[in-house]
Amino acid sequence: MSFPCWSSPLRRVSLLGTAIFLAASMASAQSISNQAPAASTSFSPAPFSSATESSSLQSLAALDPDAAALPSALALSAPASAGGAAAAGQEYGGGGWKHYVGSRLAFEAGAGFNGPIGNDTNQYGVVSGTSSSGAAVPEGLPVITFGGNFNLGGGLRFSNRVSALLEYQFMDDKLPGKLISAVNNATGDTDDISAGNTHINSITGSPVIDLFPKKSNGIYLVGGFGYYHKSTNFQAPEEAISYYGEYYENVTVSSFTSNQWGGNAGFGLYHRVGGMYGDSHTQIFAEARYTYIRTPPPSQNNGLGTTEMIPVTFGVRF
């Protein structure tokens, strides 16, 4: 059973409602899409945060007036704390002046051997007189022989290339056997000299110039000038008694000393230890220096003539 009179108006109403619904939906979607960028660009969390913070502070002030002042006090103290930290960093950051001074200090220690260059002889009659047999003491006798030496120094490093050290050096050398025999012959064996030695103590100012300051292996020049003290000692055997019985030991029976200036100059080889870019100050070195000491001439009671030595030293510098 059909109702032609109702179906036609109902269909028209349905179609009209559907069209209106679709048009409204499209208009709403377009409106939302146009408003979204404006909302995203105009949104700012600051007002919201300020408003929230303000309301929170008002609520906190209502409960406890003292507690409300805490955020402001913290905000004011933060820059002061940051400034104090910055000042502390400037004073002690990287070590400060202590690091600077420490990086400028230089030290060295070494030991080795030394020997005369050949002209330290009795050319002018160092041992005067005649032997017990009446024969004259021959000239040309050596007055010093080989021995050992020890170095210790410290100073300032002005740059990677130039340093200045204050050095102490000790040299211990024996007296030659021919000189000992000549002394015994000249004195008629009255002291029965059996041995002898020469001790040289010096304090000098020594500049050091590194020719290759950025290399792991390099060469440096070194020299020094200062004070030298030399003592020459003659020894004779003397009887001594111990728990195990009697024995003989050499003791000094005669000696003479002198104080004078002197100098040295030479070069050395080194190898840097540590460091990645050749910037380490720790070095293992080997050096040789010519040393001249203006000791008194043989005409004086405390002189054997000038002393010229070549000490060879192995050590570490840092």
C-alpha atoms as a PDB file:
ATOM      1  CA  MET A   1       0.000   0.000   0.000  1.00  0.00           C
ATOM      2  CA  SER A   2       1.524   3.350  -1.018  1.00  0.00           C
ATOM      3  CA  PHE A   3       1.043   6.968  -0.111  1.00  0.00           C
ATOM      4  CA  PRO A   4       1.948   9.056  -3.163  1.00  0.00           C
ATOM      5  CA  CYS A   5       0.777  12.261  -1.598  1.00  0.00           C
ATOM      6  CA  TRP A   6       3.164  11.864   1.416  1.00  0.00           C
ATOM      7  CA  SER A   7       6.196  10.368  -0.227  1.00  0.00           C
ATOM      8  CA  SER A   8       6.976  13.263  -2.486  1.00  0.00           C
ATOM      9  CA  PRO A   9       7.056  16.000   0.249  1.00  0.00           C
ATOM     10  CA  LEU A  10       8.952  13.665   2.651  1.00  0.00           C
ATOM     11  CA  ARG A  11      11.630  12.973   0.069  1.00  0.00           C
ATOM     12  CA  ARG A  12      11.993  16.669  -0.576  1.00  0.00           C
ATOM     13  CA  VAL A  13      12.400  17.406   3.124  1.00  0.00           C
ATOM     14  CA  SER A  14      14.990  14.654   3.539  1.00  0.00           C
ATOM     15  CA  LEU A  15      17.055  15.883   0.608  1.00  0.00           C
ATOM     16  CA  LEU A  16      16.876  19.463   1.887  1.00  0.00           C
ATOM     17  CA  GLY A  17      17.976  18.425   5.413  1.00  0.00           C
ATOM     18  CA  THR A  18      20.893  16.414   4.055  1.00  0.00           C
ATOM     19  CA  ALA A  19      22.068  19.361   1.949  1.00  0.00           C
ATOM     20  CA  ILE A  20      21.832  21.757   4.901  1.00  0.00           C
ATOM     21  CA  PHE A  21      23.793  19.299   7.133  1.00  0.00           C
ATOM     22  CA  LEU A  22      26.571  18.904   4.539  1.00  0.00           C
ATOM     23  CA  ALA A  23      26.824  22.659   4.034  1.00  0.00           C
ATOM     24  CA  ALA A  24      27.043  23.288   7.764  1.00  0.00           C
ATOM     25  CA  SER A  25      29.714  20.630   8.166  1.00  0.00           C
ATOM     26  CA  MET A  26      31.885  22.099   5.398  1.00  0.00           C
ATOM     27  CA  ALA A  27      31.554  25.621   6.787  1.00  0.00           C
ATOM     28  CA  SER A  28      32.507  24.461  10.276  1.00  0.00           C
ATOM     29  CA  ALA A  29      35.599  22.614   9.009  1.00  0.00           C
ATOM     30  CA  GLN A  30      36.763  25.635   7.019  1.00  0.00           C
ATOM     31  CA  SER A  31      36.247  27.879  10.043  1.00  0.00           C
ATOM     32  CA  ILE A  32      38.359  25.615  12.293  1.00  0.00           C
ATOM     33  CA  SER A  33      41.174  25.389   9.736  1.00  0.00           C
ATOM     34  CA  ASN A  34      41.317  29.175   9.423  1.00  0.00           C
ATOM     35  CA  GLN A  35      41.396  29.741  13.180  1.00  0.00           C
ATOM     36  CA  ALA A  36      44.074  27.116  14.075  1.00  0.00           C
ATOM     37  CA  PRO A  37      47.193  29.006  12.820  1.00  0.00           C
ATOM     38  CA  ALA A  38      46.057  32.175  14.515  1.00  0.00           C
ATOM     39  CA  ALA A  39      45.588  30.349  17.759  1.00  0.00           C
ATOM     40  CA  SER A  40      49.018  28.668  17.504  1.00  0.00           C
ATOM     41  CA  THR A  41      50.818  31.861  16.653  1.00  0.00           C
ATOM     42  CA  SER A  42      49.105  33.990  19.234  1.00  0.00           C
ATOM     43  CA  PHE A  43      49.455  31.505  22.077  1.00  0.00           C
ATOM     44  CA  SER A  44      52.018  32.522  24.710  1.00  0.00           C
ATOM     45  CA  PRO A  45      52.643  30.607  27.892  1.00  0.00           C
ATOM     46  CA  ALA A  46      54.061  33.664  29.660  1.00  0.00           C
ATOM     47  CA  PRO A  47      50.749  35.305  30.588  1.00  0.00           C
ATOM     48  CA  PHE A  48      49.401  31.999  31.713  1.00  0.00           C
ATOM     49  CA  SER A  49      52.510  31.324  33.736  1.00  0.00           C
ATOM     50  CA  SER A  50      52.501  34.797  35.230  1.00  0.00           C
ATOM     51  CA  ALA A  51      48.844  34.588  36.058  1.00  0.00           C
ATOM     52  CA  THR A  52      49.290  31.153  37.592  1.00  0.00           C
ATOM     53  CA  GLU A  53      52.329  32.278  39.550  1.00  0.00           C
ATOM     54  CA  SER A  54      50.540  35.421  40.703  1.00  0.00           C
ATOM     55  CA  SER A  55      47.516  33.504  41.884  1.00  0.00           C
ATOM     56  CA  SER A  56      49.767  30.943  43.569  1.00  0.00           C
ATOM     57  CA  LEU A  57      51.690  33.686  45.378  1.00  0.00           C
ATOM     58  CA  GLN A  58      48.439  35.332  46.479  1.00  0.00           C
ATOM     59  CA  SER A  59      47.202  32.045  47.870  1.00  0.00           C
ATOM     60  CA  LEU A  60      50.582  31.420  49.546  1.00  0.00           C
ATOM     61  CA  ALA A  61      50.567  34.938  51.011  1.00  0.00           C
ATOM     62  CA  ALA A  62      47.125  34.362  52.451  1.00  0.00           C
ATOM     63  CA  LEU A  63      48.410  31.246  54.229  1.00  0.00           C
ATOM     64  CA  ASP A  64      51.920  32.413  55.226  1.00  0.00           C
ATOM     65  CA  PRO A  65      53.211  35.951  54.462  1.00  0.00           C
ATOM     66  CA  ASP A  66      56.852  34.955  55.145  1.00  0.00           C
ATOM     67  CA  ALA A  67      56.785  32.054  52.719  1.00  0.00           C
ATOM     68  CA  ALA A  68      55.547  34.323  49.922  1.00  0.00           C
ATOM     69  CA  ALA A  69      58.859  36.227  50.004  1.00  0.00           C
ATOM     70  CA  LEU A  70      60.929  33.098  49.275  1.00  0.00           C
ATOM     71  CA  PRO A  71      60.665  33.128  45.449  1.00  0.00           C
ATOM     72  CA  SER A  72      61.689  36.788  45.294  1.00  0.00           C
ATOM     73  CA  ALA A  73      64.628  36.208  47.634  1.00  0.00           C
ATOM     74  CA  LEU A  74      65.743  33.224  45.553  1.00  0.00           C
ATOM     75  CA  ALA A  75      65.481  35.254  42.352  1.00  0.00           C
ATOM     76  CA  LEU A  76      67.628  38.007  43.858  1.00  0.00           C
ATOM     77  CA  SER A  77      70.263  35.662  45.283  1.00  0.00           C
ATOM     78  CA  ALA A  78      70.711  33.682  42.058  1.00  0.00           C
ATOM     79  CA  PRO A  79      72.703  36.404  40.229  1.00  0.00           C
ATOM     80  CA  ALA A  80      74.838  37.011  43.318  1.00  0.00           C
ATOM     81  CA  SER A  81      75.647  33.313  43.541  1.00  0.00           C
ATOM     82  CA  ALA A  82      76.486  33.211  39.854  1.00  0.00           C
ATOM     83  CA  GLY A  83      78.736  36.248  40.273  1.00  0.00           C
ATOM     84  CA  GLY A  84      80.523  34.655  43.210  1.00  0.00           C
ATOM     85  CA  ALA A  85      81.093  31.475  41.243  1.00  0.00           C
ATOM     86  CA  ALA A  86      82.484  33.494  38.341  1.00  0.00           C
ATOM     87  CA  ALA A  87      84.839  35.366  40.680  1.00  0.00           C
ATOM     88  CA  ALA A  88      85.982  32.108  42.207  1.00  0.00           C
ATOM     89  CA  GLY A  89      86.610  30.739  38.752  1.00  0.00           C
ATOM     90  CA  GLN A  90      88.705  33.753  37.841  1.00  0.00           C
ATOM     91  CA  GLU A  91      90.771  33.433  41.001  1.00  0.00           C
ATOM     92  CA  TYR A  92      91.301  29.702  41.016  1.00  0.00           C
ATOM     93  CA  GLY A  93      90.180  28.551  37.605  1.00  0.00           C
ATOM     94  CA  GLY A  94      92.955  26.663  35.831  1.00  0.00           C
ATOM     95  CA  GLY A  95      95.118  26.937  38.951  1.00  0.00           C
ATOM     96  CA  GLY A  96      95.296  30.760  38.923  1.00  0.00           C
ATOM     97  CA  TRP A  97      98.614  32.363  39.808  1.00  0.00           C
ATOM     98  CA  LYS A  98      99.754  29.209  41.590  1.00  0.00           C
ATOM     99  CA  HIS A  99      99.440  27.250  38.357  1.00  0.00           C
ATOM    100  CA  TYR A 100     101.279  30.009  36.478  1.00  0.00           C
ATOM    101  CA  VAL A 101     104.180  30.082  38.922  1.00  0.00           C
ATOM    102  CA  GLY A 102     104.317  26.278  39.102  1.00  0.00           C
ATOM    103  CA  SER A 103     104.500  25.989  35.321  1.00  0.00           C
ATOM    104  CA  ARG A 104     107.467  28.403  35.294  1.00  0.00           C
ATOM    105  CA  LEU A 105     109.622  26.506  37.790  1.00  0.00           C
ATOM    106  CA  ALA A 106     112.398  24.272  36.452  1.00  0.00           C
ATOM    107  CA  PHE A 107     114.494  21.625  38.208  1.00  0.00           C
ATOM    108  CA  GLU A 108     117.281  19.258  37.243  1.00  0.00           C
ATOM    109  CA  ALA A 109     119.372  16.495  38.764  1.00  0.00           C
ATOM    110  CA  GLY A 110     122.140  14.432  37.255  1.00  0.00           C
ATOM    111  CA  ALA A 111     125.381  12.572  37.741  1.00  0.00           C
ATOM    112  CA  GLY A 112     128.250  11.405  35.594  1.00  0.00           C
ATOM    113  CA  PHE A 113     132.013  11.428  35.184  1.00  0.00           C
ATOM    114  CA  ASN A 114     134.699  13.969  34.351  1.00  0.00           C
ATOM    115  CA  GLY A 115     138.311  14.176  33.336  1.00  0.00           C
ATOM    116  CA  PRO A 116     141.076  16.719  32.651  1.00  0.00           C
ATOM    117  CA  ILE A 117     141.643  17.916  29.119  1.00  0.00           C
ATOM    118  CA  GLY A 118     145.366  17.138  29.313  1.00  0.00           C
ATOM    119  CA  ASN A 119     147.093  20.391  30.315  1.00  0.00           C
ATOM    120  CA  ASP A 120     146.680  20.057  34.103  1.00  0.00           C
ATOM    121  CA  THR A 121     150.297  19.105  34.671  1.00  0.00           C
ATOM    122  CA  ASN A 122     153.293  20.104  36.780  1.00  0.00           C
ATOM    123  CA  GLN A 123     154.686  22.325  34.060  1.00  0.00           C
ATOM    124  CA  TYR A 124     156.064  24.878  36.503  1.00  0.00           C
ATOM    125  CA  GLY A 125     157.466  22.621  39.205  1.00  0.00           C
ATOM    126  CA  VAL A 126     154.339  22.081  41.289  1.00  0.00           C
ATOM    127  CA  VAL A 127     156.264  19.671  43.495  1.00  0.00           C
ATOM    128  CA  SER A 128     159.464  21.534  44.274  1.00  0.00           C
ATOM    129  CA  GLY A 129     162.684  20.130  45.702  1.00  0.00           C
ATOM    130  CA  THR A 130     164.479  16.874  45.089  1.00  0.00           C
ATOM    131  CA  SER A 131     163.829  13.271  45.876  1.00  0.00           C
ATOM    132  CA  SER A 132     165.546  11.324  48.671  1.00  0.00           C
ATOM    133  CA  SER A 133     168.088  10.100  46.167  1.00  0.00           C
ATOM    134  CA  GLY A 134     168.966  13.648  45.146  1.00  0.00           C
ATOM    135  CA  ALA A 135     167.137  13.550  41.800  1.00  0.00           C
ATOM    136  CA  ALA A 136     164.963  16.531  40.853  1.00  0.00           C
ATOM    137  CA  VAL A 137     161.244  16.040  40.680  1.00  0.00           C
ATOM    138  CA  PRO A 138     160.336  15.930  36.988  1.00  0.00           C
ATOM    139  CA  GLU A 139     158.050  18.534  35.522  1.00  0.00           C
ATOM    140  CA  GLY A 140     155.055  17.726  33.347  1.00  0.00           C
ATOM    141  CA  LEU A 141     153.418  15.490  35.928  1.00  0.00           C
ATOM    142  CA  PRO A 142     149.594  15.381  35.820  1.00  0.00           C
ATOM    143  CA  VAL A 143     148.040  16.923  38.927  1.00  0.00           C
ATOM    144  CA  ILE A 144     144.478  15.623  38.541  1.00  0.00           C
ATOM    145  CA  THR A 145     142.831  12.596  36.967  1.00  0.00           C
ATOM    146  CA  PHE A 146     139.362  11.175  36.270  1.00  0.00           C
ATOM    147  CA  GLY A 147     136.478  11.116  38.737  1.00  0.00           C
ATOM    148  CA  GLY A 148     132.749  11.529  39.198  1.00  0.00           C
ATOM    149  CA  ASN A 149     130.386  14.483  39.453  1.00  0.00           C
ATOM    150  CA  PHE A 150     126.903  15.319  40.723  1.00  0.00           C
ATOM    151  CA  ASN A 151     124.613  18.188  39.646  1.00  0.00           C
ATOM    152  CA  LEU A 152     121.517  19.711  41.239  1.00  0.00           C
ATOM    153  CA  GLY A 153     119.745  22.860  40.045  1.00  0.00           C
ATOM    154  CA  GLY A 154     116.567  24.891  40.035  1.00  0.00           C
ATOM    155  CA  GLY A 155     115.293  28.078  38.464  1.00  0.00           C
ATOM    156  CA  LEU A 156     112.728  29.677  36.172  1.00  0.00           C
ATOM    157  CA  ARG A 157     111.456  28.802  32.711  1.00  0.00           C
ATOM    158  CA  PHE A 158     110.912  32.089  30.863  1.00  0.00           C
ATOM    159  CA  SER A 159     109.573  30.359  27.748  1.00  0.00           C
ATOM    160  CA  ASN A 160     109.660  26.973  26.045  1.00  0.00           C
ATOM    161  CA  ARG A 161     113.032  27.962  24.637  1.00  0.00           C
ATOM    162  CA  VAL A 162     114.874  29.801  27.452  1.00  0.00           C
ATOM    163  CA  SER A 163     115.439  28.830  31.103  1.00  0.00           C
ATOM    164  CA  ALA A 164     117.790  30.070  33.819  1.00  0.00           C
ATOM    165  CA  LEU A 165     119.056  27.741  36.559  1.00  0.00           C
ATOM    166  CA  LEU A 166     121.074  28.126  39.727  1.00  0.00           C
ATOM    167  CA  GLU A 167     123.263  25.002  39.772  1.00  0.00           C
ATOM    168  CA  TYR A 168     125.315  23.254  42.408  1.00  0.00           C
ATOM    169  CA  GLN A 169     128.000  20.845  41.194  1.00  0.00           C
ATOM    170  CA  PHE A 170     130.356  18.539  43.069  1.00  0.00           C
ATOM    171  CA  MET A 171     133.362  16.877  41.397  1.00  0.00           C
ATOM    172  CA  ASP A 172     135.504  14.233  43.067  1.00  0.00           C
ATOM    173  CA  ASP A 173     138.782  13.369  41.325  1.00  0.00           C
ATOM    174  CA  LYS A 174     141.789  11.328  42.366  1.00  0.00           C
ATOM    175  CA  LEU A 175     145.364  12.526  42.383  1.00  0.00           C
ATOM    176  CA  PRO A 176     147.579  10.676  39.869  1.00  0.00           C
ATOM    177  CA  GLY A 177     149.914   8.007  41.182  1.00  0.00           C
ATOM    178  CA  LYS A 178     152.911   9.697  39.578  1.00  0.00           C
ATOM    179  CA  LEU A 179     152.211  12.854  41.555  1.00  0.00           C
ATOM    180  CA  ILE A 180     151.928  10.860  44.802  1.00  0.00           C
ATOM    181  CA  SER A 181     155.283   9.167  44.145  1.00  0.00           C
ATOM    182  CA  ALA A 182     156.921  12.488  43.312  1.00  0.00           C
ATOM    183  CA  VAL A 183     155.676  14.007  46.564  1.00  0.00           C
ATOM    184  CA  ASN A 184     157.040  11.066  48.565  1.00  0.00           C
ATOM    185  CA  ASN A 185     160.393  11.293  46.829  1.00  0.00           C
ATOM    186  CA  ALA A 186     160.577  15.051  47.353  1.00  0.00           C
ATOM    187  CA  THR A 187     159.764  14.802  51.062  1.00  0.00           C
ATOM    188  CA  GLY A 188     161.877  11.765  51.765  1.00  0.00           C
ATOM    189  CA  ASP A 189     158.824   9.629  52.499  1.00  0.00           C
ATOM    190  CA  THR A 190     158.280  11.506  55.745  1.00  0.00           C
ATOM    191  CA  ASP A 191     154.490  11.416  55.374  1.00  0.00           C
ATOM    192  CA  ASP A 192     154.345   8.147  53.423  1.00  0.00           C
ATOM    193  CA  ILE A 193     151.629   9.524  51.118  1.00  0.00           C
ATOM    194  CA  SER A 194     149.619   6.678  49.621  1.00  0.00           C
ATOM    195  CA  ALA A 195     146.651   8.416  47.970  1.00  0.00           C
ATOM    196  CA  GLY A 196     144.991  11.755  47.405  1.00  0.00           C
ATOM    197  CA  ASN A 197     141.966  13.461  45.901  1.00  0.00           C
ATOM    198  CA  THR A 198     140.642  16.778  44.659  1.00  0.00           C
ATOM    199  CA  HIS A 199     137.163  18.037  45.552  1.00  0.00           C
ATOM    200  CA  ILE A 200     135.564  20.867  43.585  1.00  0.00           C
ATOM    201  CA  ASN A 201     132.323  22.497  44.766  1.00  0.00           C
ATOM    202  CA  SER A 202     130.664  25.180  42.646  1.00  0.00           C
ATOM    203  CA  ILE A 203     127.561  27.359  42.498  1.00  0.00           C
ATOM    204  CA  THR A 204     126.878  28.929  39.116  1.00  0.00           C
ATOM    205  CA  GLY A 205     124.132  30.705  37.224  1.00  0.00           C
ATOM    206  CA  SER A 206     123.397  28.740  34.076  1.00  0.00           C
ATOM    207  CA  PRO A 207     121.140  29.746  31.157  1.00  0.00           C
ATOM    208  CA  VAL A 208     119.707  26.901  29.069  1.00  0.00           C
ATOM    209  CA  ILE A 209     118.590  27.490  25.464  1.00  0.00           C
ATOM    210  CA  ASP A 210     116.437  24.829  23.798  1.00  0.00           C
ATOM    211  CA  LEU A 211     117.075  24.845  20.044  1.00  0.00           C
ATOM    212  CA  PHE A 212     114.021  22.663  19.271  1.00  0.00           C
ATOM    213  CA  PRO A 213     111.340  23.509  21.860  1.00  0.00           C
ATOM    214  CA  LYS A 214     108.549  21.630  20.032  1.00  0.00           C
ATOM    215  CA  LYS A 215     110.442  18.428  19.258  1.00  0.00           C
ATOM    216  CA  SER A 216     110.462  15.184  21.220  1.00  0.00           C
ATOM    217  CA  ASN A 217     114.228  14.885  20.669  1.00  0.00           C
ATOM    218  CA  GLY A 218     116.417  17.945  20.512  1.00  0.00           C
ATOM    219  CA  ILE A 219     119.612  19.807  21.305  1.00  0.00           C
ATOM    220  CA  TYR A 220     120.198  22.568  23.830  1.00  0.00           C
ATOM    221  CA  LEU A 221     123.016  24.952  24.695  1.00  0.00           C
ATOM    222  CA  VAL A 222     124.078  25.503  28.282  1.00  0.00           C
ATOM    223  CA  GLY A 223     126.662  27.582  30.099  1.00  0.00           C
ATOM    224  CA  GLY A 224     127.450  28.928  33.532  1.00  0.00           C
ATOM    225  CA  PHE A 225     129.571  31.331  35.543  1.00  0.00           C
ATOM    226  CA  GLY A 226     130.111  31.564  39.270  1.00  0.00           C
ATOM    227  CA  TYR A 227     131.980  30.516  42.398  1.00  0.00           C
ATOM    228  CA  TYR A 228     134.341  27.487  42.629  1.00  0.00           C
ATOM    229  CA  HIS A 229     135.986  26.030  45.736  1.00  0.00           C
ATOM    230  CA  LYS A 230     138.795  23.525  45.211  1.00  0.00           C
ATOM    231  CA  SER A 231     140.555  21.424  47.847  1.00  0.00           C
ATOM    232  CA  THR A 232     143.546  19.127  47.252  1.00  0.00           C
ATOM    233  CA  ASN A 233     144.101  16.428  49.871  1.00  0.00           C
ATOM    234  CA  PHE A 234     147.024  14.058  50.472  1.00  0.00           C
ATOM    235  CA  GLN A 235     146.359  10.875  52.439  1.00  0.00           C
ATOM    236  CA  ALA A 236     148.511   8.401  54.329  1.00  0.00           C
ATOM    237  CA  PRO A 237     147.689   5.069  55.973  1.00  0.00           C
ATOM    238  CA  GLU A 238     146.966   5.155  59.662  1.00  0.00           C
ATOM    239  CA  GLU A 239     146.488   2.276  62.048  1.00  0.00           C
ATOM    240  CA  ALA A 240     143.013   1.876  63.513  1.00  0.00           C
ATOM    241  CA  ILE A 241     141.474  -0.646  65.888  1.00  0.00           C
ATOM    242  CA  SER A 242     138.006  -2.122  65.648  1.00  0.00           C
ATOM    243  CA  TYR A 243     136.092  -5.013  67.177  1.00  0.00           C
ATOM    244  CA  TYR A 244     137.622  -7.325  64.555  1.00  0.00           C
ATOM    245  CA  GLY A 245     141.187  -6.207  65.193  1.00  0.00           C
ATOM    246  CA  GLU A 246     143.715  -3.756  63.809  1.00  0.00           C
ATOM    247  CA  TYR A 247     143.590  -2.365  60.289  1.00  0.00           C
ATOM    248  CA  TYR A 248     144.906   0.566  58.257  1.00  0.00           C
ATOM    249  CA  GLU A 249     142.869   3.332  56.654  1.00  0.00           C
ATOM    250  CA  ASN A 250     143.819   6.402  54.634  1.00  0.00           C
ATOM    251  CA  VAL A 251     143.437   9.718  56.435  1.00  0.00           C
ATOM    252  CA  THR A 252     144.220  13.232  55.219  1.00  0.00           C
ATOM    253  CA  VAL A 253     147.594  14.397  56.471  1.00  0.00           C
ATOM    254  CA  SER A 254     148.027  17.480  54.278  1.00  0.00           C
ATOM    255  CA  SER A 255     145.772  19.652  52.171  1.00  0.00           C
ATOM    256  CA  PHE A 256     145.338  23.108  50.669  1.00  0.00           C
ATOM    257  CA  THR A 257     142.301  24.947  49.313  1.00  0.00           C
ATOM    258  CA  SER A 258     141.448  27.884  47.074  1.00  0.00           C
ATOM    259  CA  ASN A 259     138.394  29.976  46.219  1.00  0.00           C
ATOM    260  CA  GLN A 260     138.012  31.539  42.777  1.00  0.00           C
ATOM    261  CA  TRP A 261     135.677  32.202  39.888  1.00  0.00           C
ATOM    262  CA  GLY A 262     135.160  29.927  36.943  1.00  0.00           C
ATOM    263  CA  GLY A 263     132.820  29.103  34.124  1.00  0.00           C
ATOM    264  CA  ASN A 264     131.563  26.382  31.840  1.00  0.00           C
ATOM    265  CA  ALA A 265     129.919  26.013  28.439  1.00  0.00           C
ATOM    266  CA  GLY A 266     128.636  23.099  26.426  1.00  0.00           C
ATOM    267  CA  PHE A 267     125.659  21.408  24.820  1.00  0.00           C
ATOM    268  CA  GLY A 268     123.370  18.476  25.445  1.00  0.00           C
ATOM    269  CA  LEU A 269     120.890  16.066  23.883  1.00  0.00           C
ATOM    270  CA  TYR A 270     117.457  15.399  25.352  1.00  0.00           C
ATOM    271  CA  HIS A 271     114.351  13.257  24.928  1.00  0.00           C
ATOM    272  CA  ARG A 272     110.978  14.500  26.176  1.00  0.00           C
ATOM    273  CA  VAL A 273     108.955  12.191  28.387  1.00  0.00           C
ATOM    274  CA  GLY A 274     105.145  12.479  28.316  1.00  0.00           C
ATOM    275  CA  GLY A 275     102.971  15.011  26.531  1.00  0.00           C
ATOM    276  CA  MET A 276     101.024  14.550  23.313  1.00  0.00           C
ATOM    277  CA  TYR A 277     102.146  17.540  21.246  1.00  0.00           C
ATOM    278  CA  GLY A 278     105.767  17.997  22.312  1.00  0.00           C
ATOM    279  CA  ASP A 279     104.725  20.281  25.168  1.00  0.00           C
ATOM    280  CA  SER A 280     106.104  18.238  28.075  1.00  0.00           C
ATOM    281  CA  HIS A 281     108.787  19.896  30.211  1.00  0.00           C
ATOM    282  CA  THR A 282     110.149  16.572  31.496  1.00  0.00           C
ATOM    283  CA  GLN A 283     113.378  15.640  29.728  1.00  0.00           C
ATOM    284  CA  ILE A 284     116.024  12.952  29.989  1.00  0.00           C
ATOM    285  CA  PHE A 285     119.329  14.539  28.988  1.00  0.00           C
ATOM    286  CA  ALA A 286     123.003  13.879  28.400  1.00  0.00           C
ATOM    287  CA  GLU A 287     125.423  16.788  28.228  1.00  0.00           C
ATOM    288  CA  ALA A 288     129.117  17.682  28.127  1.00  0.00           C
ATOM    289  CA  ARG A 289     130.635  20.989  29.243  1.00  0.00           C
ATOM    290  CA  TYR A 290     134.073  22.524  29.123  1.00  0.00           C
ATOM    291  CA  THR A 291     134.860  23.846  32.626  1.00  0.00           C
ATOM    292  CA  TYR A 292     137.548  26.410  33.358  1.00  0.00           C
ATOM    293  CA  ILE A 293     138.559  27.234  36.954  1.00  0.00           C
ATOM    294  CA  ARG A 294     141.051  29.980  37.657  1.00  0.00           C
ATOM    295  CA  THR A 295     142.859  28.184  40.486  1.00  0.00           C
ATOM    296  CA  PRO A 296     146.096  29.770  41.853  1.00  0.00           C
ATOM    297  CA  PRO A 297     149.374  29.265  40.012  1.00  0.00           C
ATOM    298  CA  PRO A 298     151.989  26.807  41.244  1.00  0.00           C
ATOM    299  CA  SER A 299     154.041  29.682  42.620  1.00  0.00           C
ATOM    300  CA  GLN A 300     151.544  29.973  45.466  1.00  0.00           C
ATOM    301  CA  ASN A 301     151.325  27.521  48.331  1.00  0.00           C
ATOM    302  CA  ASN A 302     147.703  26.645  47.549  1.00  0.00           C
ATOM    303  CA  GLY A 303     148.029  26.456  43.775  1.00  0.00           C
ATOM    304  CA  LEU A 304     148.618  23.850  41.117  1.00  0.00           C
ATOM    305  CA  GLY A 305     147.745  26.065  38.147  1.00  0.00           C
ATOM    306  CA  THR A 306     144.470  26.567  36.335  1.00  0.00           C
ATOM    307  CA  THR A 307     142.035  23.653  36.286  1.00  0.00           C
ATOM    308  CA  GLU A 308     140.304  22.613  33.070  1.00  0.00           C
ATOM    309  CA  MET A 309     137.846  19.725  33.045  1.00  0.00           C
ATOM    310  CA  ILE A 310     135.132  18.207  30.872  1.00  0.00           C
ATOM    311  CA  PRO A 311     132.294  16.781  32.991  1.00  0.00           C
ATOM    312  CA  VAL A 312     129.769  14.519  31.238  1.00  0.00           C
ATOM    313  CA  THR A 313     126.386  14.378  32.970  1.00  0.00           C
ATOM    314  CA  PHE A 314     123.259  12.231  32.558  1.00  0.00           C
ATOM    315  CA  GLY A 315     120.082  13.293  34.288  1.00  0.00           C
ATOM    316  CA  VAL A 316     116.493  14.500  34.224  1.00  0.00           C
ATOM    317  CA  ARG A 317     115.115  18.027  33.866  1.00  0.00           C
ATOM    318  CA  PHE A 318     111.490  19.046  34.481  1.00  0.00           C
END
